[in-house]
Amino acid sequence: MSQSLSHEERMANMNFGLVYPLYLAKITRKGRTESELLEVICWLTGYSQGEIQQLVNDKATFKTLFDGANLHANATLITGMICGYRIEEIQNPHTKNVRYLDKLVDELAKGKKMENILR
């Protein structure tokens, strides 16, 4: 999938600390909890809940989040469409990682079982 450099830069430079509350609002409207959101993020990134909270507090970018992450080995099993993009076709690693997280949050909000989300 061909994407413009400006789109890739925007994805990398988005503020995770500002997007996190949006993720939280999305999943809590659907009856899920913040601890479930943190579990999903920790699974994908390898961070502890405390480290995630620090990144949120520091208003870290997604680039910072994923540059320091130890991405789960099964992250490549996250497939499908999210925000109009097929995850498997995304070439830029930062954009792909952000879309992995978006997809997991979306699955959480849709009520998917945690054991299925955490491949």
PDB file of N, CA and C in Angstrom:
ATOM      1  N   MET A   1       0.844  -1.169   0.000  1.00  0.00           N
ATOM      2  CA  MET A   1       0.000   0.000   0.000  1.00  0.00           C
ATOM      3  C   MET A   1       0.889   1.231   0.000  1.00  0.00           C
ATOM      4  N   SER A   2       0.680   2.092  -0.943  1.00  0.00           N
ATOM      5  CA  SER A   2       1.460   3.315  -1.059  1.00  0.00           C
ATOM      6  C   SER A   2       0.794   4.432  -0.264  1.00  0.00           C
ATOM      7  N   GLN A   3       1.552   5.040   0.643  1.00  0.00           N
ATOM      8  CA  GLN A   3       1.041   6.146   1.426  1.00  0.00           C
ATOM      9  C   GLN A   3       2.046   7.279   1.324  1.00  0.00           C
ATOM     10  N   SER A   4       1.557   8.504   1.403  1.00  0.00           N
ATOM     11  CA  SER A   4       2.459   9.644   1.302  1.00  0.00           C
ATOM     12  C   SER A   4       3.328   9.741   2.548  1.00  0.00           C
ATOM     13  N   LEU A   5       4.499  10.333   2.368  1.00  0.00           N
ATOM     14  CA  LEU A   5       5.415  10.518   3.488  1.00  0.00           C
ATOM     15  C   LEU A   5       4.762  11.361   4.572  1.00  0.00           C
ATOM     16  N   SER A   6       3.995  12.369   4.182  1.00  0.00           N
ATOM     17  CA  SER A   6       3.367  13.221   5.186  1.00  0.00           C
ATOM     18  C   SER A   6       2.392  12.418   6.048  1.00  0.00           C
ATOM     19  N   HIS A   7       1.691  11.457   5.452  1.00  0.00           N
ATOM     20  CA  HIS A   7       0.788  10.601   6.224  1.00  0.00           C
ATOM     21  C   HIS A   7       1.592   9.762   7.205  1.00  0.00           C
ATOM     22  N   GLU A   8       2.695   9.192   6.748  1.00  0.00           N
ATOM     23  CA  GLU A   8       3.541   8.370   7.619  1.00  0.00           C
ATOM     24  C   GLU A   8       4.139   9.202   8.750  1.00  0.00           C
ATOM     25  N   GLU A   9       4.567  10.420   8.434  1.00  0.00           N
ATOM     26  CA  GLU A   9       5.112  11.306   9.470  1.00  0.00           C
ATOM     27  C   GLU A   9       4.041  11.683  10.481  1.00  0.00           C
ATOM     28  N   ARG A  10       2.839  11.959   9.982  1.00  0.00           N
ATOM     29  CA  ARG A  10       1.728  12.300  10.885  1.00  0.00           C
ATOM     30  C   ARG A  10       1.427  11.151  11.831  1.00  0.00           C
ATOM     31  N   MET A  11       1.425   9.937  11.307  1.00  0.00           N
ATOM     32  CA  MET A  11       1.151   8.771  12.150  1.00  0.00           C
ATOM     33  C   MET A  11       2.220   8.632  13.236  1.00  0.00           C
ATOM     34  N   ALA A  12       3.470   8.763  12.860  1.00  0.00           N
ATOM     35  CA  ALA A  12       4.575   8.613  13.823  1.00  0.00           C
ATOM     36  C   ALA A  12       4.563   9.726  14.866  1.00  0.00           C
ATOM     37  N   ASN A  13       4.167  10.924  14.455  1.00  0.00           N
ATOM     38  CA  ASN A  13       4.229  12.075  15.356  1.00  0.00           C
ATOM     39  C   ASN A  13       2.937  12.342  16.114  1.00  0.00           C
ATOM     40  N   MET A  14       1.912  11.521  15.888  1.00  0.00           N
ATOM     41  CA  MET A  14       0.690  11.673  16.674  1.00  0.00           C
ATOM     42  C   MET A  14       1.016  11.466  18.142  1.00  0.00           C
ATOM     43  N   ASN A  15       0.313  12.196  18.980  1.00  0.00           N
ATOM     44  CA  ASN A  15       0.578  12.163  20.402  1.00  0.00           C
ATOM     45  C   ASN A  15      -0.203  11.026  21.070  1.00  0.00           C
ATOM     46  N   PHE A  16       0.505   9.989  21.463  1.00  0.00           N
ATOM     47  CA  PHE A  16      -0.121   8.854  22.135  1.00  0.00           C
ATOM     48  C   PHE A  16      -0.829   9.296  23.413  1.00  0.00           C
ATOM     49  N   GLY A  17      -0.225  10.235  24.125  1.00  0.00           N
ATOM     50  CA  GLY A  17      -0.818  10.737  25.367  1.00  0.00           C
ATOM     51  C   GLY A  17      -2.164  11.402  25.161  1.00  0.00           C
ATOM     52  N   LEU A  18      -2.396  11.954  23.981  1.00  0.00           N
ATOM     53  CA  LEU A  18      -3.682  12.571  23.681  1.00  0.00           C
ATOM     54  C   LEU A  18      -4.669  11.585  23.057  1.00  0.00           C
ATOM     55  N   VAL A  19      -4.166  10.553  22.404  1.00  0.00           N
ATOM     56  CA  VAL A  19      -5.034   9.551  21.776  1.00  0.00           C
ATOM     57  C   VAL A  19      -5.521   8.535  22.808  1.00  0.00           C
ATOM     58  N   TYR A  20      -4.714   8.264  23.820  1.00  0.00           N
ATOM     59  CA  TYR A  20      -5.089   7.278  24.843  1.00  0.00           C
ATOM     60  C   TYR A  20      -6.472   7.558  25.443  1.00  0.00           C
ATOM     61  N   PRO A  21      -6.779   8.807  25.859  1.00  0.00           N
ATOM     62  CA  PRO A  21      -8.127   9.057  26.400  1.00  0.00           C
ATOM     63  C   PRO A  21      -9.241   8.794  25.379  1.00  0.00           C
ATOM     64  N   LEU A  22      -8.941   8.956  24.102  1.00  0.00           N
ATOM     65  CA  LEU A  22      -9.931   8.661  23.064  1.00  0.00           C
ATOM     66  C   LEU A  22     -10.162   7.158  22.967  1.00  0.00           C
ATOM     67  N   TYR A  23      -9.077   6.384  23.032  1.00  0.00           N
ATOM     68  CA  TYR A  23      -9.202   4.928  23.085  1.00  0.00           C
ATOM     69  C   TYR A  23     -10.056   4.525  24.299  1.00  0.00           C
ATOM     70  N   LEU A  24      -9.735   5.132  25.446  1.00  0.00           N
ATOM     71  CA  LEU A  24     -10.429   4.802  26.684  1.00  0.00           C
ATOM     72  C   LEU A  24     -11.918   5.127  26.580  1.00  0.00           C
ATOM     73  N   ALA A  25     -12.246   6.285  26.043  1.00  0.00           N
ATOM     74  CA  ALA A  25     -13.649   6.667  25.882  1.00  0.00           C
ATOM     75  C   ALA A  25     -14.372   5.698  24.955  1.00  0.00           C
ATOM     76  N   LYS A  26     -13.709   5.293  23.892  1.00  0.00           N
ATOM     77  CA  LYS A  26     -14.320   4.370  22.931  1.00  0.00           C
ATOM     78  C   LYS A  26     -14.674   3.040  23.593  1.00  0.00           C
ATOM     79  N   ILE A  27     -13.755   2.492  24.347  1.00  0.00           N
ATOM     80  CA  ILE A  27     -14.000   1.163  24.907  1.00  0.00           C
ATOM     81  C   ILE A  27     -14.926   1.206  26.120  1.00  0.00           C
ATOM     82  N   THR A  28     -14.873   2.278  26.915  1.00  0.00           N
ATOM     83  CA  THR A  28     -15.752   2.345  28.091  1.00  0.00           C
ATOM     84  C   THR A  28     -17.205   2.572  27.677  1.00  0.00           C
ATOM     85  N   ARG A  29     -17.429   3.260  26.568  1.00  0.00           N
ATOM     86  CA  ARG A  29     -18.801   3.414  26.045  1.00  0.00           C
ATOM     87  C   ARG A  29     -19.400   2.061  25.707  1.00  0.00           C
ATOM     88  N   LYS A  30     -18.536   1.105  25.403  1.00  0.00           N
ATOM     89  CA  LYS A  30     -18.984  -0.238  25.019  1.00  0.00           C
ATOM     90  C   LYS A  30     -18.918  -1.236  26.177  1.00  0.00           C
ATOM     91  N   GLY A  31     -18.700  -0.715  27.393  1.00  0.00           N
ATOM     92  CA  GLY A  31     -18.721  -1.585  28.568  1.00  0.00           C
ATOM     93  C   GLY A  31     -17.410  -2.253  28.913  1.00  0.00           C
ATOM     94  N   ARG A  32     -16.323  -1.868  28.261  1.00  0.00           N
ATOM     95  CA  ARG A  32     -15.010  -2.437  28.593  1.00  0.00           C
ATOM     96  C   ARG A  32     -14.315  -1.529  29.603  1.00  0.00           C
ATOM     97  N   THR A  33     -13.214  -2.008  30.181  1.00  0.00           N
ATOM     98  CA  THR A  33     -12.550  -1.272  31.260  1.00  0.00           C
ATOM     99  C   THR A  33     -11.161  -0.781  30.847  1.00  0.00           C
ATOM    100  N   GLU A  34     -10.674   0.177  31.623  1.00  0.00           N
ATOM    101  CA  GLU A  34      -9.326   0.675  31.371  1.00  0.00           C
ATOM    102  C   GLU A  34      -8.291  -0.414  31.587  1.00  0.00           C
ATOM    103  N   SER A  35      -8.518  -1.292  32.549  1.00  0.00           N
ATOM    104  CA  SER A  35      -7.542  -2.374  32.770  1.00  0.00           C
ATOM    105  C   SER A  35      -7.464  -3.288  31.549  1.00  0.00           C
ATOM    106  N   GLU A  36      -8.578  -3.487  30.852  1.00  0.00           N
ATOM    107  CA  GLU A  36      -8.555  -4.286  29.629  1.00  0.00           C
ATOM    108  C   GLU A  36      -7.791  -3.556  28.524  1.00  0.00           C
ATOM    109  N   LEU A  37      -7.985  -2.254  28.435  1.00  0.00           N
ATOM    110  CA  LEU A  37      -7.239  -1.459  27.454  1.00  0.00           C
ATOM    111  C   LEU A  37      -5.745  -1.549  27.735  1.00  0.00           C
ATOM    112  N   LEU A  38      -5.368  -1.388  28.979  1.00  0.00           N
ATOM    113  CA  LEU A  38      -3.957  -1.485  29.347  1.00  0.00           C
ATOM    114  C   LEU A  38      -3.399  -2.874  29.062  1.00  0.00           C
ATOM    115  N   GLU A  39      -4.191  -3.901  29.314  1.00  0.00           N
ATOM    116  CA  GLU A  39      -3.751  -5.263  29.037  1.00  0.00           C
ATOM    117  C   GLU A  39      -3.429  -5.443  27.556  1.00  0.00           C
ATOM    118  N   VAL A  40      -4.282  -4.888  26.704  1.00  0.00           N
ATOM    119  CA  VAL A  40      -4.085  -4.982  25.256  1.00  0.00           C
ATOM    120  C   VAL A  40      -2.825  -4.220  24.838  1.00  0.00           C
ATOM    121  N   ILE A  41      -2.665  -3.011  25.355  1.00  0.00           N
ATOM    122  CA  ILE A  41      -1.499  -2.201  24.988  1.00  0.00           C
ATOM    123  C   ILE A  41      -0.216  -2.859  25.498  1.00  0.00           C
ATOM    124  N   CYS A  42      -0.250  -3.354  26.725  1.00  0.00           N
ATOM    125  CA  CYS A  42       0.933  -4.033  27.286  1.00  0.00           C
ATOM    126  C   CYS A  42       1.277  -5.280  26.490  1.00  0.00           C
ATOM    127  N   TRP A  43       0.269  -6.041  26.090  1.00  0.00           N
ATOM    128  CA  TRP A  43       0.507  -7.247  25.282  1.00  0.00           C
ATOM    129  C   TRP A  43       1.224  -6.882  23.990  1.00  0.00           C
ATOM    130  N   LEU A  44       0.733  -5.851  23.301  1.00  0.00           N
ATOM    131  CA  LEU A  44       1.309  -5.482  22.012  1.00  0.00           C
ATOM    132  C   LEU A  44       2.715  -4.910  22.155  1.00  0.00           C
ATOM    133  N   THR A  45       2.924  -4.050  23.147  1.00  0.00           N
ATOM    134  CA  THR A  45       4.171  -3.283  23.234  1.00  0.00           C
ATOM    135  C   THR A  45       5.233  -3.882  24.148  1.00  0.00           C
ATOM    136  N   GLY A  46       4.832  -4.722  25.084  1.00  0.00           N
ATOM    137  CA  GLY A  46       5.781  -5.253  26.058  1.00  0.00           C
ATOM    138  C   GLY A  46       6.036  -4.323  27.229  1.00  0.00           C
ATOM    139  N   TYR A  47       5.394  -3.169  27.249  1.00  0.00           N
ATOM    140  CA  TYR A  47       5.533  -2.243  28.376  1.00  0.00           C
ATOM    141  C   TYR A  47       4.693  -2.713  29.555  1.00  0.00           C
ATOM    142  N   SER A  48       5.066  -2.261  30.754  1.00  0.00           N
ATOM    143  CA  SER A  48       4.239  -2.475  31.939  1.00  0.00           C
ATOM    144  C   SER A  48       3.151  -1.398  31.962  1.00  0.00           C
ATOM    145  N   GLN A  49       2.143  -1.599  32.796  1.00  0.00           N
ATOM    146  CA  GLN A  49       1.085  -0.594  32.913  1.00  0.00           C
ATOM    147  C   GLN A  49       1.642   0.742  33.393  1.00  0.00           C
ATOM    148  N   GLY A  50       2.602   0.686  34.304  1.00  0.00           N
ATOM    149  CA  GLY A  50       3.237   1.916  34.787  1.00  0.00           C
ATOM    150  C   GLY A  50       3.977   2.653  33.684  1.00  0.00           C
ATOM    151  N   GLU A  51       4.666   1.907  32.844  1.00  0.00           N
ATOM    152  CA  GLU A  51       5.383   2.526  31.724  1.00  0.00           C
ATOM    153  C   GLU A  51       4.410   3.153  30.722  1.00  0.00           C
ATOM    154  N   ILE A  52       3.284   2.480  30.485  1.00  0.00           N
ATOM    155  CA  ILE A  52       2.272   3.040  29.590  1.00  0.00           C
ATOM    156  C   ILE A  52       1.743   4.341  30.171  1.00  0.00           C
ATOM    157  N   GLN A  53       1.427   4.332  31.473  1.00  0.00           N
ATOM    158  CA  GLN A  53       0.916   5.544  32.114  1.00  0.00           C
ATOM    159  C   GLN A  53       1.924   6.677  32.035  1.00  0.00           C
ATOM    160  N   GLN A  54       3.208   6.366  32.176  1.00  0.00           N
ATOM    161  CA  GLN A  54       4.236   7.398  32.079  1.00  0.00           C
ATOM    162  C   GLN A  54       4.290   7.975  30.667  1.00  0.00           C
ATOM    163  N   LEU A  55       4.174   7.130  29.650  1.00  0.00           N
ATOM    164  CA  LEU A  55       4.148   7.604  28.262  1.00  0.00           C
ATOM    165  C   LEU A  55       2.942   8.492  28.008  1.00  0.00           C
ATOM    166  N   VAL A  56       1.807   8.133  28.597  1.00  0.00           N
ATOM    167  CA  VAL A  56       0.598   8.974  28.474  1.00  0.00           C
ATOM    168  C   VAL A  56       0.850  10.318  29.145  1.00  0.00           C
ATOM    169  N   ASN A  57       1.371  10.284  30.364  1.00  0.00           N
ATOM    170  CA  ASN A  57       1.641  11.525  31.111  1.00  0.00           C
ATOM    171  C   ASN A  57       2.643  12.413  30.395  1.00  0.00           C
ATOM    172  N   ASP A  58       3.645  11.789  29.771  1.00  0.00           N
ATOM    173  CA  ASP A  58       4.681  12.544  29.055  1.00  0.00           C
ATOM    174  C   ASP A  58       4.215  13.022  27.680  1.00  0.00           C
ATOM    175  N   LYS A  59       3.001  12.603  27.295  1.00  0.00           N
ATOM    176  CA  LYS A  59       2.467  12.932  25.969  1.00  0.00           C
ATOM    177  C   LYS A  59       3.447  12.510  24.862  1.00  0.00           C
ATOM    178  N   ALA A  60       3.916  11.274  25.002  1.00  0.00           N
ATOM    179  CA  ALA A  60       4.855  10.705  24.038  1.00  0.00           C
ATOM    180  C   ALA A  60       4.174  10.507  22.685  1.00  0.00           C
ATOM    181  N   THR A  61       4.965  10.572  21.639  1.00  0.00           N
ATOM    182  CA  THR A  61       4.435  10.297  20.299  1.00  0.00           C
ATOM    183  C   THR A  61       4.335   8.791  20.094  1.00  0.00           C
ATOM    184  N   PHE A  62       3.600   8.396  19.064  1.00  0.00           N
ATOM    185  CA  PHE A  62       3.542   6.976  18.728  1.00  0.00           C
ATOM    186  C   PHE A  62       4.924   6.473  18.314  1.00  0.00           C
ATOM    187  N   LYS A  63       5.727   7.326  17.709  1.00  0.00           N
ATOM    188  CA  LYS A  63       7.096   6.938  17.342  1.00  0.00           C
ATOM    189  C   LYS A  63       7.867   6.560  18.607  1.00  0.00           C
ATOM    190  N   THR A  64       7.796   7.390  19.618  1.00  0.00           N
ATOM    191  CA  THR A  64       8.470   7.118  20.888  1.00  0.00           C
ATOM    192  C   THR A  64       7.926   5.838  21.513  1.00  0.00           C
ATOM    193  N   LEU A  65       6.610   5.693  21.504  1.00  0.00           N
ATOM    194  CA  LEU A  65       5.984   4.499  22.066  1.00  0.00           C
ATOM    195  C   LEU A  65       6.527   3.239  21.409  1.00  0.00           C
ATOM    196  N   PHE A  66       6.524   3.209  20.087  1.00  0.00           N
ATOM    197  CA  PHE A  66       6.909   1.984  19.393  1.00  0.00           C
ATOM    198  C   PHE A  66       8.420   1.821  19.228  1.00  0.00           C
ATOM    199  N   ASP A  67       9.179   2.910  19.262  1.00  0.00           N
ATOM    200  CA  ASP A  67      10.637   2.775  19.192  1.00  0.00           C
ATOM    201  C   ASP A  67      11.170   2.056  20.433  1.00  0.00           C
ATOM    202  N   GLY A  68      10.523   2.271  21.577  1.00  0.00           N
ATOM    203  CA  GLY A  68      10.965   1.627  22.809  1.00  0.00           C
ATOM    204  C   GLY A  68      10.254   0.322  23.114  1.00  0.00           C
ATOM    205  N   ALA A  69       9.326  -0.051  22.260  1.00  0.00           N
ATOM    206  CA  ALA A  69       8.503  -1.243  22.513  1.00  0.00           C
ATOM    207  C   ALA A  69       9.223  -2.513  22.099  1.00  0.00           C
ATOM    208  N   ASN A  70       8.833  -3.592  22.743  1.00  0.00           N
ATOM    209  CA  ASN A  70       9.248  -4.933  22.354  1.00  0.00           C
ATOM    210  C   ASN A  70       7.984  -5.592  21.807  1.00  0.00           C
ATOM    211  N   LEU A  71       7.708  -5.359  20.527  1.00  0.00           N
ATOM    212  CA  LEU A  71       6.464  -5.795  19.917  1.00  0.00           C
ATOM    213  C   LEU A  71       6.264  -7.300  20.082  1.00  0.00           C
ATOM    214  N   HIS A  72       5.068  -7.683  20.451  1.00  0.00           N
ATOM    215  CA  HIS A  72       4.747  -9.099  20.668  1.00  0.00           C
ATOM    216  C   HIS A  72       4.985  -9.882  19.381  1.00  0.00           C
ATOM    217  N   ALA A  73       5.500 -11.084  19.521  1.00  0.00           N
ATOM    218  CA  ALA A  73       5.806 -11.928  18.363  1.00  0.00           C
ATOM    219  C   ALA A  73       4.567 -12.226  17.514  1.00  0.00           C
ATOM    220  N   ASN A  74       3.402 -12.249  18.134  1.00  0.00           N
ATOM    221  CA  ASN A  74       2.175 -12.536  17.396  1.00  0.00           C
ATOM    222  C   ASN A  74       1.503 -11.297  16.808  1.00  0.00           C
ATOM    223  N   ALA A  75       2.161 -10.160  16.895  1.00  0.00           N
ATOM    224  CA  ALA A  75       1.569  -8.936  16.342  1.00  0.00           C
ATOM    225  C   ALA A  75       1.276  -9.083  14.853  1.00  0.00           C
ATOM    226  N   THR A  76       2.077  -9.856  14.160  1.00  0.00           N
ATOM    227  CA  THR A  76       1.862 -10.032  12.715  1.00  0.00           C
ATOM    228  C   THR A  76       0.576 -10.803  12.406  1.00  0.00           C
ATOM    229  N   LEU A  77      -0.013 -11.418  13.433  1.00  0.00           N
ATOM    230  CA  LEU A  77      -1.286 -12.114  13.246  1.00  0.00           C
ATOM    231  C   LEU A  77      -2.473 -11.149  13.250  1.00  0.00           C
ATOM    232  N   ILE A  78      -2.199  -9.875  13.563  1.00  0.00           N
ATOM    233  CA  ILE A  78      -3.256  -8.856  13.537  1.00  0.00           C
ATOM    234  C   ILE A  78      -3.441  -8.450  12.078  1.00  0.00           C
ATOM    235  N   THR A  79      -4.587  -8.792  11.527  1.00  0.00           N
ATOM    236  CA  THR A  79      -4.845  -8.537  10.115  1.00  0.00           C
ATOM    237  C   THR A  79      -6.225  -7.928   9.955  1.00  0.00           C
ATOM    238  N   GLY A  80      -6.509  -7.499   8.742  1.00  0.00           N
ATOM    239  CA  GLY A  80      -7.825  -6.963   8.442  1.00  0.00           C
ATOM    240  C   GLY A  80      -7.780  -5.492   8.114  1.00  0.00           C
ATOM    241  N   MET A  81      -8.958  -4.911   8.038  1.00  0.00           N
ATOM    242  CA  MET A  81      -9.102  -3.506   7.680  1.00  0.00           C
ATOM    243  C   MET A  81      -9.270  -2.663   8.939  1.00  0.00           C
ATOM    244  N   ILE A  82      -8.611  -1.504   8.940  1.00  0.00           N
ATOM    245  CA  ILE A  82      -8.802  -0.518   9.991  1.00  0.00           C
ATOM    246  C   ILE A  82      -8.590   0.858   9.377  1.00  0.00           C
ATOM    247  N   CYS A  83      -9.528   1.727   9.581  1.00  0.00           N
ATOM    248  CA  CYS A  83      -9.471   3.099   9.057  1.00  0.00           C
ATOM    249  C   CYS A  83      -9.252   3.125   7.541  1.00  0.00           C
ATOM    250  N   GLY A  84      -9.813   2.161   6.851  1.00  0.00           N
ATOM    251  CA  GLY A  84      -9.717   2.125   5.395  1.00  0.00           C
ATOM    252  C   GLY A  84      -8.437   1.517   4.849  1.00  0.00           C
ATOM    253  N   TYR A  85      -7.597   0.985   5.708  1.00  0.00           N
ATOM    254  CA  TYR A  85      -6.337   0.392   5.280  1.00  0.00           C
ATOM    255  C   TYR A  85      -6.301  -1.088   5.655  1.00  0.00           C
ATOM    256  N   ARG A  86      -5.771  -1.908   4.772  1.00  0.00           N
ATOM    257  CA  ARG A  86      -5.550  -3.316   5.081  1.00  0.00           C
ATOM    258  C   ARG A  86      -4.192  -3.389   5.776  1.00  0.00           C
ATOM    259  N   ILE A  87      -4.195  -3.814   7.020  1.00  0.00           N
ATOM    260  CA  ILE A  87      -2.992  -3.810   7.853  1.00  0.00           C
ATOM    261  C   ILE A  87      -1.835  -4.559   7.193  1.00  0.00           C
ATOM    262  N   GLU A  88      -2.133  -5.697   6.582  1.00  0.00           N
ATOM    263  CA  GLU A  88      -1.085  -6.527   5.984  1.00  0.00           C
ATOM    264  C   GLU A  88      -0.346  -5.810   4.857  1.00  0.00           C
ATOM    265  N   GLU A  89      -0.953  -4.793   4.263  1.00  0.00           N
ATOM    266  CA  GLU A  89      -0.354  -4.102   3.119  1.00  0.00           C
ATOM    267  C   GLU A  89       0.421  -2.846   3.508  1.00  0.00           C
ATOM    268  N   ILE A  90       0.355  -2.437   4.752  1.00  0.00           N
ATOM    269  CA  ILE A  90       1.053  -1.229   5.198  1.00  0.00           C
ATOM    270  C   ILE A  90       2.546  -1.523   5.275  1.00  0.00           C
ATOM    271  N   GLN A  91       3.341  -0.704   4.615  1.00  0.00           N
ATOM    272  CA  GLN A  91       4.788  -0.914   4.551  1.00  0.00           C
ATOM    273  C   GLN A  91       5.551  -0.214   5.674  1.00  0.00           C
ATOM    274  N   ASN A  92       5.138   0.997   6.024  1.00  0.00           N
ATOM    275  CA  ASN A  92       5.856   1.772   7.032  1.00  0.00           C
ATOM    276  C   ASN A  92       5.662   1.146   8.417  1.00  0.00           C
ATOM    277  N   PRO A  93       6.756   0.820   9.109  1.00  0.00           N
ATOM    278  CA  PRO A  93       6.633   0.120  10.393  1.00  0.00           C
ATOM    279  C   PRO A  93       5.885   0.919  11.463  1.00  0.00           C
ATOM    280  N   HIS A  94       6.099   2.239  11.537  1.00  0.00           N
ATOM    281  CA  HIS A  94       5.398   3.030  12.555  1.00  0.00           C
ATOM    282  C   HIS A  94       3.906   3.073  12.265  1.00  0.00           C
ATOM    283  N   THR A  95       3.562   3.277  11.017  1.00  0.00           N
ATOM    284  CA  THR A  95       2.150   3.308  10.635  1.00  0.00           C
ATOM    285  C   THR A  95       1.504   1.955  10.902  1.00  0.00           C
ATOM    286  N   LYS A  96       2.199   0.888  10.563  1.00  0.00           N
ATOM    287  CA  LYS A  96       1.671  -0.458  10.785  1.00  0.00           C
ATOM    288  C   LYS A  96       1.445  -0.712  12.267  1.00  0.00           C
ATOM    289  N   ASN A  97       2.390  -0.310  13.110  1.00  0.00           N
ATOM    290  CA  ASN A  97       2.252  -0.515  14.551  1.00  0.00           C
ATOM    291  C   ASN A  97       1.078   0.264  15.127  1.00  0.00           C
ATOM    292  N   VAL A  98       0.894   1.503  14.662  1.00  0.00           N
ATOM    293  CA  VAL A  98      -0.252   2.295  15.118  1.00  0.00           C
ATOM    294  C   VAL A  98      -1.549   1.607  14.706  1.00  0.00           C
ATOM    295  N   ARG A  99      -1.595   1.091  13.497  1.00  0.00           N
ATOM    296  CA  ARG A  99      -2.801   0.403  13.016  1.00  0.00           C
ATOM    297  C   ARG A  99      -3.024  -0.919  13.748  1.00  0.00           C
ATOM    298  N   TYR A 100      -1.942  -1.598  14.139  1.00  0.00           N
ATOM    299  CA  TYR A 100      -2.096  -2.783  14.990  1.00  0.00           C
ATOM    300  C   TYR A 100      -2.852  -2.393  16.267  1.00  0.00           C
ATOM    301  N   LEU A 101      -2.383  -1.329  16.909  1.00  0.00           N
ATOM    302  CA  LEU A 101      -3.010  -0.884  18.152  1.00  0.00           C
ATOM    303  C   LEU A 101      -4.450  -0.456  17.908  1.00  0.00           C
ATOM    304  N   ASP A 102      -4.687   0.296  16.839  1.00  0.00           N
ATOM    305  CA  ASP A 102      -6.057   0.705  16.505  1.00  0.00           C
ATOM    306  C   ASP A 102      -6.964  -0.506  16.349  1.00  0.00           C
ATOM    307  N   LYS A 103      -6.473  -1.531  15.676  1.00  0.00           N
ATOM    308  CA  LYS A 103      -7.265  -2.740  15.433  1.00  0.00           C
ATOM    309  C   LYS A 103      -7.582  -3.456  16.748  1.00  0.00           C
ATOM    310  N   LEU A 104      -6.608  -3.552  17.637  1.00  0.00           N
ATOM    311  CA  LEU A 104      -6.838  -4.197  18.928  1.00  0.00           C
ATOM    312  C   LEU A 104      -7.872  -3.436  19.755  1.00  0.00           C
ATOM    313  N   VAL A 105      -7.766  -2.120  19.760  1.00  0.00           N
ATOM    314  CA  VAL A 105      -8.730  -1.291  20.493  1.00  0.00           C
ATOM    315  C   VAL A 105     -10.122  -1.458  19.883  1.00  0.00           C
ATOM    316  N   ASP A 106     -10.192  -1.503  18.566  1.00  0.00           N
ATOM    317  CA  ASP A 106     -11.457  -1.691  17.879  1.00  0.00           C
ATOM    318  C   ASP A 106     -12.086  -3.041  18.247  1.00  0.00           C
ATOM    319  N   GLU A 107     -11.272  -4.082  18.268  1.00  0.00           N
ATOM    320  CA  GLU A 107     -11.770  -5.411  18.632  1.00  0.00           C
ATOM    321  C   GLU A 107     -12.259  -5.427  20.084  1.00  0.00           C
ATOM    322  N   LEU A 108     -11.540  -4.735  20.951  1.00  0.00           N
ATOM    323  CA  LEU A 108     -11.947  -4.638  22.353  1.00  0.00           C
ATOM    324  C   LEU A 108     -13.301  -3.939  22.455  1.00  0.00           C
ATOM    325  N   ALA A 109     -13.458  -2.836  21.738  1.00  0.00           N
ATOM    326  CA  ALA A 109     -14.708  -2.086  21.762  1.00  0.00           C
ATOM    327  C   ALA A 109     -15.872  -2.883  21.171  1.00  0.00           C
ATOM    328  N   LYS A 110     -15.574  -3.768  20.242  1.00  0.00           N
ATOM    329  CA  LYS A 110     -16.629  -4.572  19.614  1.00  0.00           C
ATOM    330  C   LYS A 110     -17.031  -5.775  20.460  1.00  0.00           C
ATOM    331  N   GLY A 111     -16.384  -5.942  21.617  1.00  0.00           N
ATOM    332  CA  GLY A 111     -16.773  -7.002  22.531  1.00  0.00           C
ATOM    333  C   GLY A 111     -16.115  -8.343  22.283  1.00  0.00           C
ATOM    334  N   LYS A 112     -15.076  -8.350  21.474  1.00  0.00           N
ATOM    335  CA  LYS A 112     -14.373  -9.606  21.211  1.00  0.00           C
ATOM    336  C   LYS A 112     -13.751 -10.122  22.514  1.00  0.00           C
ATOM    337  N   LYS A 113     -13.683 -11.423  22.664  1.00  0.00           N
ATOM    338  CA  LYS A 113     -13.102 -12.028  23.860  1.00  0.00           C
ATOM    339  C   LYS A 113     -11.609 -11.712  23.931  1.00  0.00           C
ATOM    340  N   MET A 114     -11.133 -11.462  25.147  1.00  0.00           N
ATOM    341  CA  MET A 114      -9.744 -11.083  25.349  1.00  0.00           C
ATOM    342  C   MET A 114      -8.783 -12.147  24.806  1.00  0.00           C
ATOM    343  N   GLU A 115      -9.087 -13.420  24.996  1.00  0.00           N
ATOM    344  CA  GLU A 115      -8.187 -14.455  24.507  1.00  0.00           C
ATOM    345  C   GLU A 115      -8.081 -14.452  22.978  1.00  0.00           C
ATOM    346  N   ASN A 116      -9.101 -13.953  22.303  1.00  0.00           N
ATOM    347  CA  ASN A 116      -9.033 -13.834  20.840  1.00  0.00           C
ATOM    348  C   ASN A 116      -8.305 -12.568  20.417  1.00  0.00           C
ATOM    349  N   ILE A 117      -8.436 -11.510  21.196  1.00  0.00           N
ATOM    350  CA  ILE A 117      -7.737 -10.263  20.896  1.00  0.00           C
ATOM    351  C   ILE A 117      -6.233 -10.471  21.053  1.00  0.00           C
ATOM    352  N   LEU A 118      -5.848 -11.153  22.120  1.00  0.00           N
ATOM    353  CA  LEU A 118      -4.429 -11.371  22.420  1.00  0.00           C
ATOM    354  C   LEU A 118      -3.911 -12.634  21.766  1.00  0.00           C
ATOM    355  N   ARG A 119      -4.110 -12.734  20.533  1.00  0.00           N
ATOM    356  CA  ARG A 119      -3.736 -13.860  19.673  1.00  0.00           C
ATOM    357  C   ARG A 119      -2.711 -14.742  20.327  1.00  0.00           C
TER     358      ARG A 119
END
